[in-house]
N, C-alpha and C. Protein backbone atom coordinates (compact mmCIF):
# COMPACT_ATOMS: atom_id res chain seq x y z
N MET A 1 194.73 208.83 153.90
CA MET A 1 194.46 207.97 152.73
C MET A 1 194.88 208.67 151.43
N LYS A 2 194.58 209.96 151.36
CA LYS A 2 194.92 210.70 150.16
C LYS A 2 196.43 210.71 149.95
N HIS A 3 197.18 210.88 151.04
CA HIS A 3 198.65 210.87 150.95
C HIS A 3 199.15 209.52 150.46
N GLU A 4 198.55 208.42 150.96
CA GLU A 4 198.97 207.08 150.54
C GLU A 4 198.67 206.84 149.06
N GLU A 5 197.51 207.31 148.60
CA GLU A 5 197.16 207.15 147.19
C GLU A 5 198.14 207.92 146.30
N ARG A 6 198.49 209.13 146.74
CA ARG A 6 199.44 209.94 145.99
C ARG A 6 200.79 209.25 145.92
N LYS A 7 201.24 208.70 147.04
CA LYS A 7 202.52 208.01 147.08
C LYS A 7 202.52 206.79 146.18
N GLU A 8 201.42 206.04 146.20
CA GLU A 8 201.31 204.85 145.35
C GLU A 8 201.34 205.23 143.87
N ARG A 9 200.65 206.32 143.53
CA ARG A 9 200.64 206.77 142.14
C ARG A 9 202.03 207.16 141.68
N MET A 10 202.76 207.88 142.52
CA MET A 10 204.13 208.27 142.18
C MET A 10 205.02 207.04 142.02
N ASN A 11 204.85 206.05 142.88
CA ASN A 11 205.65 204.82 142.78
C ASN A 11 205.38 204.09 141.46
N ARG A 12 204.10 204.06 141.05
CA ARG A 12 203.76 203.40 139.78
C ARG A 12 204.45 204.10 138.61
N MET A 13 204.47 205.42 138.64
CA MET A 13 205.12 206.17 137.56
C MET A 13 206.62 205.90 137.54
N ASN A 14 207.24 205.83 138.71
CA ASN A 14 208.67 205.55 138.77
C ASN A 14 208.99 204.17 138.20
N VAL A 15 208.17 203.17 138.54
CA VAL A 15 208.36 201.82 138.03
C VAL A 15 208.17 201.80 136.52
N GLN A 16 207.15 202.51 136.03
CA GLN A 16 206.89 202.55 134.59
C GLN A 16 208.08 203.14 133.84
N ASP A 17 208.67 204.20 134.38
CA ASP A 17 209.84 204.80 133.75
C ASP A 17 210.96 203.77 133.60
N ARG A 18 211.21 203.01 134.65
CA ARG A 18 212.29 202.02 134.60
C ARG A 18 211.96 200.89 133.62
N GLU A 19 210.70 200.48 133.58
CA GLU A 19 210.31 199.38 132.70
C GLU A 19 210.40 199.77 131.23
N GLU A 20 210.25 201.07 130.93
CA GLU A 20 210.34 201.51 129.55
C GLU A 20 211.78 201.66 129.08
N HIS A 21 212.73 201.40 129.98
CA HIS A 21 214.15 201.39 129.64
C HIS A 21 214.60 202.73 129.06
N VAL A 22 214.16 203.80 129.68
CA VAL A 22 214.62 205.13 129.30
C VAL A 22 215.45 205.69 130.46
N ASP A 23 216.42 206.53 130.12
CA ASP A 23 217.18 207.17 131.18
C ASP A 23 216.88 208.66 131.27
N ARG A 24 216.09 209.15 130.31
CA ARG A 24 215.66 210.54 130.33
C ARG A 24 214.23 210.64 129.83
N ILE A 25 213.52 211.63 130.33
CA ILE A 25 212.13 211.86 129.93
C ILE A 25 211.98 213.32 129.53
N ARG A 26 211.35 213.56 128.40
CA ARG A 26 211.08 214.94 127.98
C ARG A 26 209.72 215.37 128.51
N TYR A 27 209.73 216.40 129.33
CA TYR A 27 208.52 216.95 129.93
C TYR A 27 208.32 218.40 129.50
N PHE A 28 207.07 218.78 129.39
CA PHE A 28 206.72 220.19 129.26
C PHE A 28 205.32 220.37 129.82
N ILE A 29 204.98 221.60 130.16
CA ILE A 29 203.63 221.91 130.63
C ILE A 29 202.92 222.68 129.52
N GLY A 30 201.74 222.22 129.18
CA GLY A 30 201.01 222.84 128.09
C GLY A 30 199.57 223.12 128.43
N LEU A 31 198.94 223.82 127.52
CA LEU A 31 197.53 224.15 127.62
C LEU A 31 196.87 223.59 126.36
N ALA A 32 196.01 222.60 126.51
CA ALA A 32 195.40 221.93 125.36
C ALA A 32 194.00 222.48 125.09
N PRO A 33 193.62 222.60 123.82
CA PRO A 33 192.25 223.03 123.52
C PRO A 33 191.24 221.96 123.92
N ASP A 34 190.01 222.39 124.17
CA ASP A 34 188.97 221.40 124.44
C ASP A 34 188.60 220.70 123.13
N ALA A 35 187.72 219.72 123.20
CA ALA A 35 187.42 218.88 122.04
C ALA A 35 186.87 219.69 120.87
N ALA A 36 185.97 220.63 121.16
CA ALA A 36 185.36 221.42 120.09
C ALA A 36 186.40 222.32 119.42
N ALA A 37 187.23 222.97 120.22
CA ALA A 37 188.26 223.85 119.66
C ALA A 37 189.30 223.04 118.89
N ARG A 38 189.65 221.86 119.40
CA ARG A 38 190.60 221.00 118.70
C ARG A 38 190.06 220.60 117.33
N ALA A 39 188.78 220.27 117.27
CA ALA A 39 188.17 219.87 116.00
C ALA A 39 188.18 221.03 115.00
N ARG A 40 187.86 222.25 115.47
CA ARG A 40 187.86 223.41 114.57
C ARG A 40 189.27 223.72 114.09
N LEU A 41 190.24 223.60 114.99
CA LEU A 41 191.62 223.87 114.59
C LEU A 41 192.12 222.81 113.60
N ALA A 42 191.76 221.56 113.83
CA ALA A 42 192.14 220.48 112.91
C ALA A 42 191.53 220.71 111.53
N GLU A 43 190.29 221.17 111.51
CA GLU A 43 189.62 221.46 110.23
C GLU A 43 190.32 222.60 109.50
N ALA A 44 190.68 223.65 110.24
CA ALA A 44 191.37 224.79 109.64
C ALA A 44 192.74 224.38 109.11
N ALA A 45 193.46 223.55 109.87
CA ALA A 45 194.78 223.08 109.43
C ALA A 45 194.66 222.19 108.19
N ALA A 46 193.64 221.34 108.17
CA ALA A 46 193.45 220.46 107.01
C ALA A 46 193.18 221.27 105.75
N ALA A 47 192.43 222.36 105.90
CA ALA A 47 192.14 223.21 104.75
C ALA A 47 193.42 223.87 104.23
N ARG A 48 194.32 224.22 105.13
CA ARG A 48 195.57 224.87 104.73
C ARG A 48 196.54 223.90 104.07
N GLN A 49 196.39 222.62 104.32
CA GLN A 49 197.27 221.64 103.70
C GLN A 49 197.13 221.62 102.19
N ARG A 50 196.00 222.11 101.69
CA ARG A 50 195.81 222.19 100.24
C ARG A 50 196.64 223.32 99.64
N ASP A 51 197.00 224.32 100.47
CA ASP A 51 197.71 225.49 99.97
C ASP A 51 199.18 225.52 100.37
N TRP A 52 199.49 224.99 101.54
CA TRP A 52 200.83 225.12 102.10
C TRP A 52 201.50 223.75 102.21
N ARG A 53 202.76 223.70 101.83
CA ARG A 53 203.50 222.43 101.82
C ARG A 53 204.49 222.41 102.99
N PHE A 54 204.24 221.48 103.91
CA PHE A 54 205.14 221.24 105.05
C PHE A 54 205.35 219.74 105.19
N ALA A 55 206.52 219.37 105.72
CA ALA A 55 206.87 217.95 105.81
C ALA A 55 206.02 217.20 106.82
N LYS A 56 205.67 217.85 107.93
CA LYS A 56 204.97 217.15 109.00
C LYS A 56 203.91 218.06 109.61
N TRP A 57 202.67 217.58 109.61
CA TRP A 57 201.57 218.32 110.21
C TRP A 57 201.26 217.71 111.58
N THR A 58 200.92 218.57 112.52
CA THR A 58 200.67 218.14 113.89
C THR A 58 199.42 217.28 113.99
N HIS A 59 199.53 216.16 114.71
CA HIS A 59 198.35 215.34 114.99
C HIS A 59 197.39 216.18 115.83
N PRO A 60 196.09 216.17 115.53
CA PRO A 60 195.14 217.00 116.29
C PRO A 60 195.21 216.79 117.80
N GLN A 61 195.48 215.56 118.24
CA GLN A 61 195.57 215.31 119.68
C GLN A 61 196.79 215.97 120.32
N ASP A 62 197.73 216.41 119.49
CA ASP A 62 198.96 217.03 120.00
C ASP A 62 198.90 218.56 120.04
N PHE A 63 197.80 219.16 119.58
CA PHE A 63 197.71 220.62 119.63
C PHE A 63 197.83 221.10 121.07
N HIS A 64 198.67 222.10 121.30
CA HIS A 64 198.82 222.65 122.65
C HIS A 64 199.56 223.99 122.59
N ILE A 65 199.43 224.76 123.64
CA ILE A 65 200.26 225.95 123.86
C ILE A 65 201.31 225.56 124.89
N THR A 66 202.57 225.68 124.56
CA THR A 66 203.62 225.37 125.53
C THR A 66 203.75 226.52 126.53
N LEU A 67 203.62 226.20 127.80
CA LEU A 67 203.77 227.18 128.88
C LEU A 67 205.15 227.09 129.52
N ALA A 68 205.69 225.89 129.63
CA ALA A 68 207.01 225.69 130.24
C ALA A 68 207.64 224.43 129.66
N PHE A 69 208.71 224.59 128.90
CA PHE A 69 209.42 223.44 128.34
C PHE A 69 210.53 223.06 129.32
N LEU A 70 210.46 221.86 129.86
CA LEU A 70 211.40 221.42 130.89
C LEU A 70 212.57 220.63 130.34
N GLY A 71 212.45 220.13 129.11
CA GLY A 71 213.56 219.46 128.46
C GLY A 71 213.65 217.98 128.78
N ASP A 72 214.79 217.39 128.43
CA ASP A 72 215.04 215.96 128.64
C ASP A 72 215.64 215.76 130.03
N LEU A 73 214.87 215.16 130.92
CA LEU A 73 215.23 215.10 132.33
C LEU A 73 215.69 213.70 132.74
N PRO A 74 216.76 213.60 133.53
CA PRO A 74 217.10 212.31 134.14
C PRO A 74 215.94 211.82 135.00
N LEU A 75 215.81 210.52 135.15
CA LEU A 75 214.65 209.97 135.86
C LEU A 75 214.44 210.55 137.26
N PRO A 76 215.49 210.75 138.06
CA PRO A 76 215.25 211.33 139.39
C PRO A 76 214.67 212.74 139.32
N ARG A 77 215.13 213.53 138.35
CA ARG A 77 214.61 214.89 138.24
C ARG A 77 213.18 214.88 137.70
N ALA A 78 212.88 213.97 136.79
CA ALA A 78 211.51 213.84 136.30
C ALA A 78 210.58 213.46 137.44
N ALA A 79 211.03 212.57 138.32
CA ALA A 79 210.22 212.18 139.48
C ALA A 79 210.01 213.37 140.41
N ALA A 80 211.03 214.22 140.56
CA ALA A 80 210.90 215.40 141.41
C ALA A 80 209.87 216.38 140.84
N VAL A 81 209.83 216.49 139.51
CA VAL A 81 208.82 217.34 138.87
C VAL A 81 207.42 216.82 139.18
N ARG A 82 207.23 215.52 139.05
CA ARG A 82 205.92 214.95 139.34
C ARG A 82 205.54 215.16 140.79
N GLU A 83 206.47 214.96 141.69
CA GLU A 83 206.20 215.15 143.12
C GLU A 83 205.77 216.58 143.40
N THR A 84 206.44 217.53 142.76
CA THR A 84 206.14 218.94 142.98
C THR A 84 204.77 219.32 142.44
N LEU A 85 204.42 218.78 141.29
CA LEU A 85 203.19 219.20 140.61
C LEU A 85 201.97 218.35 140.95
N ASP A 86 202.18 217.17 141.50
CA ASP A 86 201.04 216.31 141.83
C ASP A 86 200.17 216.99 142.89
N GLY A 87 198.91 217.18 142.57
CA GLY A 87 197.99 217.84 143.49
C GLY A 87 198.04 219.35 143.43
N TYR A 88 198.88 219.91 142.55
CA TYR A 88 199.00 221.37 142.46
C TYR A 88 197.73 221.97 141.85
N VAL A 89 197.21 223.00 142.48
CA VAL A 89 196.07 223.75 141.96
C VAL A 89 196.54 225.16 141.67
N CYS A 90 196.36 225.60 140.43
CA CYS A 90 196.86 226.91 140.02
C CYS A 90 196.09 228.04 140.70
N ALA A 91 196.80 229.08 141.08
CA ALA A 91 196.16 230.27 141.64
C ALA A 91 195.48 231.08 140.55
N THR A 92 195.96 230.93 139.31
CA THR A 92 195.37 231.64 138.18
C THR A 92 193.97 231.10 137.91
N ALA A 93 193.03 232.01 137.68
CA ALA A 93 191.65 231.61 137.39
C ALA A 93 191.51 231.20 135.92
N ALA A 94 190.51 230.37 135.64
CA ALA A 94 190.21 229.97 134.27
C ALA A 94 190.01 231.21 133.39
N PHE A 95 190.37 231.09 132.11
CA PHE A 95 190.30 232.26 131.22
C PHE A 95 190.03 231.79 129.79
N GLU A 96 189.65 232.74 128.94
CA GLU A 96 189.36 232.44 127.55
C GLU A 96 190.64 232.48 126.71
N VAL A 97 190.76 231.53 125.81
CA VAL A 97 191.86 231.48 124.85
C VAL A 97 191.27 231.71 123.46
N ARG A 98 191.91 232.61 122.71
CA ARG A 98 191.41 232.90 121.36
C ARG A 98 192.56 232.77 120.36
N VAL A 99 192.36 231.93 119.34
CA VAL A 99 193.35 231.75 118.29
C VAL A 99 193.15 232.84 117.25
N THR A 100 194.25 233.53 116.90
CA THR A 100 194.13 234.74 116.08
C THR A 100 194.45 234.53 114.61
N GLY A 101 195.21 233.52 114.25
CA GLY A 101 195.55 233.34 112.84
C GLY A 101 196.89 232.64 112.68
N TRP A 102 197.44 232.68 111.46
CA TRP A 102 198.61 231.89 111.12
C TRP A 102 199.88 232.73 111.08
N GLY A 103 201.01 232.08 111.33
CA GLY A 103 202.31 232.73 111.23
C GLY A 103 203.40 231.68 111.17
N THR A 104 204.65 232.12 111.08
CA THR A 104 205.77 231.18 110.94
C THR A 104 206.95 231.60 111.81
N PHE A 105 207.78 230.62 112.14
CA PHE A 105 209.09 230.83 112.75
C PHE A 105 210.14 230.28 111.80
N GLY A 106 211.31 230.89 111.81
CA GLY A 106 212.40 230.38 111.01
C GLY A 106 212.66 231.22 109.77
N PRO A 107 213.55 230.75 108.89
CA PRO A 107 213.91 231.51 107.69
C PRO A 107 212.69 231.82 106.83
N PRO A 108 212.53 233.07 106.38
CA PRO A 108 211.33 233.44 105.61
C PRO A 108 211.11 232.59 104.36
N GLN A 109 212.21 232.18 103.70
CA GLN A 109 212.06 231.40 102.47
C GLN A 109 211.79 229.92 102.73
N ARG A 110 212.06 229.48 103.94
CA ARG A 110 211.83 228.07 104.27
C ARG A 110 211.55 227.95 105.77
N PRO A 111 210.37 228.35 106.21
CA PRO A 111 210.05 228.36 107.64
C PRO A 111 210.18 226.98 108.28
N ALA A 112 210.64 226.98 109.54
CA ALA A 112 210.75 225.73 110.28
C ALA A 112 209.44 225.33 110.93
N ILE A 113 208.64 226.34 111.30
CA ILE A 113 207.40 226.10 112.04
C ILE A 113 206.26 226.92 111.45
N LEU A 114 205.13 226.28 111.25
CA LEU A 114 203.87 226.97 110.96
C LEU A 114 203.04 226.93 112.22
N TRP A 115 202.57 228.09 112.69
CA TRP A 115 201.83 228.11 113.94
C TRP A 115 200.52 228.87 113.81
N ALA A 116 199.62 228.54 114.73
CA ALA A 116 198.39 229.30 114.92
C ALA A 116 198.60 230.17 116.15
N GLY A 117 198.54 231.48 115.97
CA GLY A 117 198.83 232.40 117.06
C GLY A 117 197.69 232.49 118.06
N VAL A 118 198.02 232.92 119.27
CA VAL A 118 197.05 233.04 120.36
C VAL A 118 197.09 234.46 120.89
N ALA A 119 195.93 235.05 121.09
CA ALA A 119 195.85 236.41 121.61
C ALA A 119 196.41 236.47 123.03
N ALA A 120 197.23 237.48 123.28
CA ALA A 120 197.76 237.68 124.63
C ALA A 120 196.61 238.02 125.57
N SER A 121 196.70 237.54 126.82
CA SER A 121 195.67 237.83 127.81
C SER A 121 196.30 237.85 129.19
N GLU A 122 195.63 238.51 130.11
CA GLU A 122 196.13 238.58 131.48
C GLU A 122 196.23 237.18 132.10
N GLY A 123 195.23 236.35 131.85
CA GLY A 123 195.23 235.00 132.41
C GLY A 123 196.36 234.15 131.89
N LEU A 124 196.60 234.22 130.59
CA LEU A 124 197.66 233.42 129.98
C LEU A 124 199.03 233.85 130.51
N GLY A 125 199.24 235.15 130.60
CA GLY A 125 200.51 235.65 131.13
C GLY A 125 200.71 235.27 132.59
N ALA A 126 199.62 235.35 133.37
CA ALA A 126 199.70 235.02 134.79
C ALA A 126 200.02 233.54 134.99
N LEU A 127 199.39 232.67 134.20
CA LEU A 127 199.62 231.23 134.34
C LEU A 127 201.06 230.88 133.95
N HIS A 128 201.53 231.47 132.88
CA HIS A 128 202.92 231.25 132.44
C HIS A 128 203.90 231.60 133.56
N GLY A 129 203.71 232.76 134.17
CA GLY A 129 204.59 233.18 135.26
C GLY A 129 204.46 232.32 136.50
N GLU A 130 203.22 231.93 136.83
CA GLU A 130 202.99 231.13 138.02
C GLU A 130 203.67 229.76 137.93
N LEU A 131 203.58 229.13 136.77
CA LEU A 131 204.16 227.79 136.63
C LEU A 131 205.68 227.82 136.75
N TRP A 132 206.31 228.81 136.14
CA TRP A 132 207.76 228.91 136.27
C TRP A 132 208.16 229.17 137.72
N GLN A 133 207.35 229.94 138.43
CA GLN A 133 207.64 230.19 139.84
C GLN A 133 207.51 228.90 140.66
N ALA A 134 206.51 228.08 140.33
CA ALA A 134 206.32 226.81 141.04
C ALA A 134 207.49 225.86 140.80
N LEU A 135 208.11 225.97 139.62
CA LEU A 135 209.21 225.07 139.27
C LEU A 135 210.58 225.59 139.72
N ALA A 136 210.63 226.84 140.13
CA ALA A 136 211.91 227.46 140.50
C ALA A 136 212.67 226.70 141.59
N PRO A 137 211.99 226.15 142.63
CA PRO A 137 212.74 225.41 143.65
C PRO A 137 213.48 224.19 143.11
N LEU A 138 213.08 223.71 141.93
CA LEU A 138 213.76 222.56 141.32
C LEU A 138 214.90 223.00 140.41
N GLY A 139 215.13 224.30 140.33
CA GLY A 139 216.23 224.80 139.52
C GLY A 139 215.87 225.19 138.11
N PHE A 140 214.59 225.17 137.76
CA PHE A 140 214.17 225.56 136.42
C PHE A 140 214.06 227.08 136.33
N GLU A 141 214.47 227.63 135.20
CA GLU A 141 214.37 229.06 134.95
C GLU A 141 213.66 229.30 133.63
N PRO A 142 212.82 230.32 133.55
CA PRO A 142 212.11 230.60 132.29
C PRO A 142 213.08 231.02 131.20
N GLU A 143 212.66 230.83 129.95
CA GLU A 143 213.48 231.27 128.83
C GLU A 143 213.62 232.79 128.86
N THR A 144 214.74 233.27 128.35
CA THR A 144 214.97 234.71 128.34
C THR A 144 214.20 235.41 127.22
N ARG A 145 213.88 234.69 126.15
CA ARG A 145 213.14 235.31 125.06
C ARG A 145 211.69 235.52 125.47
N PRO A 146 211.02 236.50 124.86
CA PRO A 146 209.63 236.79 125.23
C PRO A 146 208.71 235.59 125.00
N PHE A 147 207.70 235.48 125.84
CA PHE A 147 206.70 234.42 125.71
C PHE A 147 205.80 234.75 124.52
N ARG A 148 205.76 233.87 123.53
CA ARG A 148 204.92 234.05 122.34
C ARG A 148 203.99 232.84 122.23
N PRO A 149 202.84 232.89 122.87
CA PRO A 149 201.95 231.72 122.88
C PRO A 149 201.46 231.37 121.48
N HIS A 150 201.49 230.09 121.16
CA HIS A 150 201.06 229.62 119.85
C HIS A 150 200.82 228.12 119.92
N LEU A 151 200.16 227.60 118.89
CA LEU A 151 199.98 226.16 118.72
C LEU A 151 200.69 225.77 117.42
N THR A 152 201.64 224.87 117.50
CA THR A 152 202.36 224.43 116.30
C THR A 152 201.43 223.59 115.43
N ALA A 153 201.32 223.99 114.16
CA ALA A 153 200.45 223.29 113.22
C ALA A 153 201.23 222.38 112.27
N ALA A 154 202.46 222.78 111.93
CA ALA A 154 203.26 221.98 110.99
C ALA A 154 204.73 222.35 111.14
N ARG A 155 205.59 221.47 110.61
CA ARG A 155 207.04 221.68 110.70
C ARG A 155 207.70 221.45 109.34
N ARG A 156 208.78 222.18 109.10
CA ARG A 156 209.68 222.02 107.96
C ARG A 156 208.98 222.27 106.62
N SER A 157 209.03 223.53 106.21
CA SER A 157 208.46 223.90 104.92
C SER A 157 209.09 223.12 103.78
N GLN A 158 208.26 222.77 102.82
CA GLN A 158 208.74 222.13 101.60
C GLN A 158 208.39 222.99 100.39
N GLY A 159 208.58 224.30 100.56
CA GLY A 159 208.32 225.22 99.46
C GLY A 159 207.48 226.42 99.85
N THR A 160 206.67 226.30 100.88
CA THR A 160 205.85 227.42 101.34
C THR A 160 206.73 228.43 102.07
N THR A 161 206.56 229.72 101.74
CA THR A 161 207.35 230.78 102.37
C THR A 161 206.53 231.52 103.41
N ALA A 162 207.22 232.33 104.21
CA ALA A 162 206.52 233.16 105.19
C ALA A 162 205.58 234.14 104.48
N ALA A 163 205.99 234.62 103.30
CA ALA A 163 205.14 235.54 102.54
C ALA A 163 203.85 234.86 102.09
N ASP A 164 203.93 233.58 101.71
CA ASP A 164 202.73 232.84 101.33
C ASP A 164 201.74 232.79 102.49
N VAL A 165 202.24 232.51 103.68
CA VAL A 165 201.38 232.42 104.86
C VAL A 165 200.80 233.78 105.19
N ALA A 166 201.63 234.83 105.11
CA ALA A 166 201.16 236.18 105.42
C ALA A 166 200.07 236.62 104.45
N ALA A 167 200.23 236.29 103.17
CA ALA A 167 199.23 236.67 102.18
C ALA A 167 197.90 235.99 102.46
N MET A 168 197.93 234.70 102.79
CA MET A 168 196.71 233.98 103.11
C MET A 168 196.08 234.53 104.38
N GLN A 169 196.93 234.89 105.35
CA GLN A 169 196.42 235.45 106.60
C GLN A 169 195.68 236.76 106.34
N GLU A 170 196.19 237.60 105.46
CA GLU A 170 195.53 238.86 105.14
C GLU A 170 194.17 238.61 104.50
N GLU A 171 194.10 237.62 103.61
CA GLU A 171 192.81 237.27 102.99
C GLU A 171 191.83 236.77 104.04
N GLN A 172 192.32 235.94 104.95
CA GLN A 172 191.46 235.39 106.00
C GLN A 172 190.92 236.49 106.89
N GLU A 173 191.78 237.44 107.28
CA GLU A 173 191.34 238.53 108.14
C GLU A 173 190.31 239.39 107.43
N ALA A 174 190.43 239.51 106.11
CA ALA A 174 189.46 240.29 105.35
C ALA A 174 188.11 239.60 105.31
N ARG A 175 188.11 238.26 105.41
CA ARG A 175 186.85 237.52 105.34
C ARG A 175 186.26 237.31 106.73
N GLU A 176 187.03 236.67 107.60
CA GLU A 176 186.54 236.34 108.93
C GLU A 176 187.69 235.84 109.79
N ALA A 177 187.49 235.83 111.09
CA ALA A 177 188.51 235.33 112.01
C ALA A 177 188.56 233.81 111.94
N LEU A 178 189.62 233.24 112.49
CA LEU A 178 189.77 231.79 112.47
C LEU A 178 188.65 231.10 113.25
N GLY A 179 188.17 231.76 114.30
CA GLY A 179 186.99 231.26 115.02
C GLY A 179 187.25 230.11 115.96
N VAL A 180 188.45 230.03 116.52
CA VAL A 180 188.77 228.97 117.48
C VAL A 180 188.95 229.60 118.86
N GLU A 181 188.09 229.24 119.79
CA GLU A 181 188.15 229.76 121.15
C GLU A 181 187.79 228.64 122.13
N TRP A 182 188.32 228.74 123.34
CA TRP A 182 187.90 227.81 124.40
C TRP A 182 188.24 228.42 125.75
N GLU A 183 187.64 227.86 126.80
CA GLU A 183 187.96 228.28 128.15
C GLU A 183 189.03 227.36 128.72
N ALA A 184 190.17 227.92 129.08
CA ALA A 184 191.25 227.14 129.69
C ALA A 184 190.92 226.91 131.15
N ARG A 185 190.78 225.65 131.52
CA ARG A 185 190.45 225.28 132.90
C ARG A 185 191.53 224.42 133.55
N GLU A 186 192.51 223.99 132.76
CA GLU A 186 193.53 223.09 133.28
C GLU A 186 194.79 223.17 132.43
N ALA A 187 195.94 223.26 133.08
CA ALA A 187 197.22 223.04 132.41
C ALA A 187 197.58 221.57 132.60
N VAL A 188 198.47 221.06 131.76
CA VAL A 188 198.80 219.63 131.80
C VAL A 188 200.30 219.43 131.70
N LEU A 189 200.84 218.58 132.59
CA LEU A 189 202.21 218.11 132.43
C LEU A 189 202.18 217.01 131.38
N LEU A 190 202.96 217.18 130.31
CA LEU A 190 202.95 216.26 129.18
C LEU A 190 204.32 215.63 128.98
N GLN A 191 204.30 214.40 128.51
CA GLN A 191 205.53 213.67 128.20
C GLN A 191 205.58 213.38 126.71
N THR A 192 206.75 213.60 126.11
CA THR A 192 206.94 213.30 124.70
C THR A 192 207.33 211.84 124.53
N HIS A 193 206.61 211.15 123.63
CA HIS A 193 206.96 209.77 123.26
C HIS A 193 207.43 209.80 121.80
N PHE A 194 208.71 209.72 121.61
CA PHE A 194 209.28 209.85 120.28
C PHE A 194 208.89 208.67 119.39
N GLY A 195 208.57 208.98 118.14
CA GLY A 195 208.20 207.95 117.19
C GLY A 195 206.74 207.55 117.23
N ARG A 196 205.95 208.18 118.09
CA ARG A 196 204.52 207.87 118.17
C ARG A 196 203.69 209.03 117.61
N ARG A 197 202.48 208.69 117.17
CA ARG A 197 201.49 209.71 116.80
C ARG A 197 200.15 209.30 117.38
N PRO A 198 199.54 210.09 118.26
CA PRO A 198 200.07 211.35 118.79
C PRO A 198 201.30 211.11 119.67
N ALA A 199 202.11 212.17 119.79
CA ALA A 199 203.41 212.04 120.46
C ALA A 199 203.39 212.44 121.92
N TYR A 200 202.36 213.19 122.34
CA TYR A 200 202.36 213.75 123.70
C TYR A 200 201.29 213.08 124.55
N ALA A 201 201.71 212.62 125.73
CA ALA A 201 200.78 211.94 126.64
C ALA A 201 200.67 212.73 127.94
N PRO A 202 199.45 212.93 128.43
CA PRO A 202 199.28 213.64 129.71
C PRO A 202 199.81 212.82 130.87
N VAL A 203 200.48 213.50 131.80
CA VAL A 203 201.00 212.86 133.01
C VAL A 203 200.20 213.30 134.22
N LEU A 204 200.04 214.61 134.38
CA LEU A 204 199.30 215.17 135.50
C LEU A 204 198.51 216.39 135.03
N GLY A 205 197.30 216.54 135.56
CA GLY A 205 196.51 217.74 135.31
C GLY A 205 196.73 218.75 136.42
N LEU A 206 196.77 220.02 136.03
CA LEU A 206 196.96 221.12 136.99
C LEU A 206 195.76 222.06 136.86
N PRO A 207 194.71 221.82 137.62
CA PRO A 207 193.48 222.60 137.46
C PRO A 207 193.67 224.07 137.79
N LEU A 208 192.98 224.91 137.03
CA LEU A 208 192.96 226.34 137.31
C LEU A 208 191.83 226.65 138.28
N ARG A 209 191.97 227.76 138.97
CA ARG A 209 190.92 228.18 139.90
C ARG A 209 189.68 228.57 139.10
N PRO A 210 188.48 228.15 139.54
CA PRO A 210 187.26 228.53 138.83
C PRO A 210 187.08 230.04 138.78
N ARG A 211 186.50 230.50 137.69
CA ARG A 211 186.21 231.94 137.59
C ARG A 211 185.05 232.30 138.49
N VAL A 212 185.13 233.46 139.10
CA VAL A 212 184.06 233.91 139.99
C VAL A 212 182.95 234.53 139.16
């Protein structure tokens, strides 16, 4: 019965893809904060909007740590990803995630990305490696650049520089930590819906092994 239910669910997803008249789907696997951590992060980001100017701030429901970006996939390959990950239970045990503060990517005078950094941990590194290994039979390979876990808070500076963010970060560290933490219990296969807010919709949950 479980096999039949799984097959029916996969068939529904395939039909939905065709009905939406898309020929490619953007997928990635992420780690989303729980409701309490999301609310604290949204509050911290809202406070920074008074100081920092960026063109687009992330919708709170879209906060996530990207573990594996799979890109824009043809429908058959997207279906293969779902087949591979449906019912997958991670060998990595649940672990704590701690947000450390603010930083930027891109040109110092006009950063492309404002992010909230995440402390490196054994669990986070293990999960990142495990997921890429699970996807390897489908031909996916991890990025060659080092894994830098973060949550994107905003995009496209409109005057705020990397130095502005660094100065505020130093003041924050002198006062107190950002104070956003949660226990990661599940990774999620997410689909990007362009032109929507929030833009990312969960497709499949990938539960982590309970901590002993």
